[in-house]
Structure formats: structure tokens, C-alpha cells
């Protein structure tokens, strides 16, 4: 039919879902399924997501995720609400590995 399947993987969570074993396993399975292209996107922390994480995650996991955002400021990204983005160095590290 000429349709090339692709997948979008988000949100990637640093040190949780972007570990080398997790990524190898994921891409091995995608390859088995014939997927040749994937788009990755890291978690953007927004106020509502931040509140939800506080409710849903253990204190350890919440601290881990929040520490990844470090001193990043809340700012408007595109036309969306206020967000905190992961530092580019952390995103690049995860994609390289």
C-alpha cells in the first residue's frame, strides 16, 4: 500500500525510560515489527503534570524526575502553558546513548 509505519515515543523520562537496556529492548522490538523510523520526545514538565506526578509517584521517583529539571525556569513554550524543559545536555545524553 506504500504506507511506511513510524512510531512516536513520548514522554521519555530521564533515567527511567531512556536507559540503554530499555532503549535497546524497545528498538529491537520495533525492528522485529518492521518499524524503521521513530521520533523521540522527552517529558516537558507542566504545572498540571507536576501536580499529577506529586500524587502518583513515590517520593524517590518524584525527586529523581524533578532533579532532572534542575534550575530550569517555568516559561511559555510555543503556544502551550508554562513548561519546564529538560536541559539540552540531558536530552542529548539520552539520545546519544
Protein backbone atom coordinates (compact mmCIF):
# COMPACT_ATOMS: atom_id res chain seq x y z
CA UNK A 1 0.00 0.00 0.00
CA UNK A 2 3.02 2.27 0.23
CA UNK A 3 2.37 3.34 3.81
CA UNK A 4 5.56 3.45 5.88
CA UNK A 5 4.83 2.84 9.57
CA UNK A 6 6.51 5.13 12.10
CA UNK A 7 6.24 5.43 15.87
CA UNK A 8 6.36 8.33 18.28
CA UNK A 9 7.84 7.63 21.69
CA UNK A 10 6.95 10.12 24.38
CA UNK A 11 7.30 11.14 27.02
CA UNK A 12 10.78 9.81 27.53
CA UNK A 13 11.62 10.04 31.22
CA UNK A 14 15.31 10.53 32.03
CA UNK A 15 16.94 7.66 33.92
CA UNK A 16 13.67 5.71 33.87
CA UNK A 17 12.58 5.01 30.29
CA UNK A 18 15.71 6.19 28.46
CA UNK A 19 18.18 3.72 29.93
CA UNK A 20 20.33 1.78 27.50
CA UNK A 21 18.70 -1.62 28.28
CA UNK A 22 15.20 -0.13 27.92
CA UNK A 23 16.04 1.55 24.62
CA UNK A 24 17.82 -1.50 23.18
CA UNK A 25 14.83 -3.67 24.04
CA UNK A 26 12.38 -1.16 22.57
CA UNK A 27 14.28 -0.69 19.31
CA UNK A 28 14.89 -4.42 18.94
CA UNK A 29 11.14 -4.99 19.17
CA UNK A 30 10.37 -2.14 16.76
CA UNK A 31 12.84 -3.62 14.27
CA UNK A 32 11.11 -7.01 14.57
CA UNK A 33 7.86 -5.25 13.70
CA UNK A 34 9.42 -3.64 10.64
CA UNK A 35 9.44 -0.11 12.05
CA UNK A 36 12.31 1.88 10.56
CA UNK A 37 11.63 5.34 11.93
CA UNK A 38 10.92 6.54 15.46
CA UNK A 39 10.57 10.03 16.87
CA UNK A 40 11.61 10.54 20.49
CA UNK A 41 10.47 13.33 22.79
CA UNK A 42 11.40 13.94 26.41
CA UNK A 43 8.99 14.85 29.18
CA UNK A 44 8.04 18.53 29.39
CA UNK A 45 7.09 19.39 32.92
CA UNK A 46 3.91 21.48 33.04
CA UNK A 47 2.11 22.60 36.22
CA UNK A 48 -0.70 20.04 35.86
CA UNK A 49 1.77 17.24 35.09
CA UNK A 50 3.89 18.33 38.05
CA UNK A 51 0.85 18.09 40.36
CA UNK A 52 -0.09 14.69 38.92
CA UNK A 53 3.43 13.33 39.41
CA UNK A 54 3.31 14.51 43.03
CA UNK A 55 0.13 12.44 43.52
CA UNK A 56 1.13 9.35 41.53
CA UNK A 57 4.84 8.78 42.09
CA UNK A 58 6.78 7.63 45.09
CA UNK A 59 8.84 10.38 46.72
CA UNK A 60 12.02 8.79 45.32
CA UNK A 61 10.79 8.76 41.71
CA UNK A 62 9.33 12.25 42.02
CA UNK A 63 12.64 13.57 43.37
CA UNK A 64 14.56 11.84 40.57
CA UNK A 65 12.41 13.40 37.87
CA UNK A 66 12.34 16.84 39.47
CA UNK A 67 16.13 16.79 39.89
CA UNK A 68 16.50 16.31 36.12
CA UNK A 69 14.88 19.69 35.57
CA UNK A 70 17.33 21.30 38.00
CA UNK A 71 17.13 25.07 37.99
CA UNK A 72 15.16 25.28 34.75
CA UNK A 73 12.69 28.16 34.85
CA UNK A 74 8.99 27.95 34.04
CA UNK A 75 8.47 29.56 30.64
CA UNK A 76 5.98 29.60 27.82
CA UNK A 77 6.95 27.15 25.10
CA UNK A 78 5.25 27.75 21.77
CA UNK A 79 1.58 28.36 22.39
CA UNK A 80 1.33 25.95 25.32
CA UNK A 81 1.08 26.67 29.00
CA UNK A 82 4.06 27.27 31.24
CA UNK A 83 6.61 24.47 30.95
CA UNK A 84 9.98 23.37 32.18
CA UNK A 85 12.14 21.65 29.60
CA UNK A 86 14.97 19.29 30.38
CA UNK A 87 18.39 20.87 29.88
CA UNK A 88 19.61 20.18 26.34
CA UNK A 89 22.70 18.41 27.69
CA UNK A 90 20.50 15.83 29.41
CA UNK A 91 18.33 15.31 26.33
CA UNK A 92 21.40 14.91 24.11
CA UNK A 93 22.98 12.43 26.53
CA UNK A 94 19.87 10.26 26.47
CA UNK A 95 19.58 10.30 22.68
CA UNK A 96 23.30 9.57 22.15
CA UNK A 97 23.24 6.55 24.42
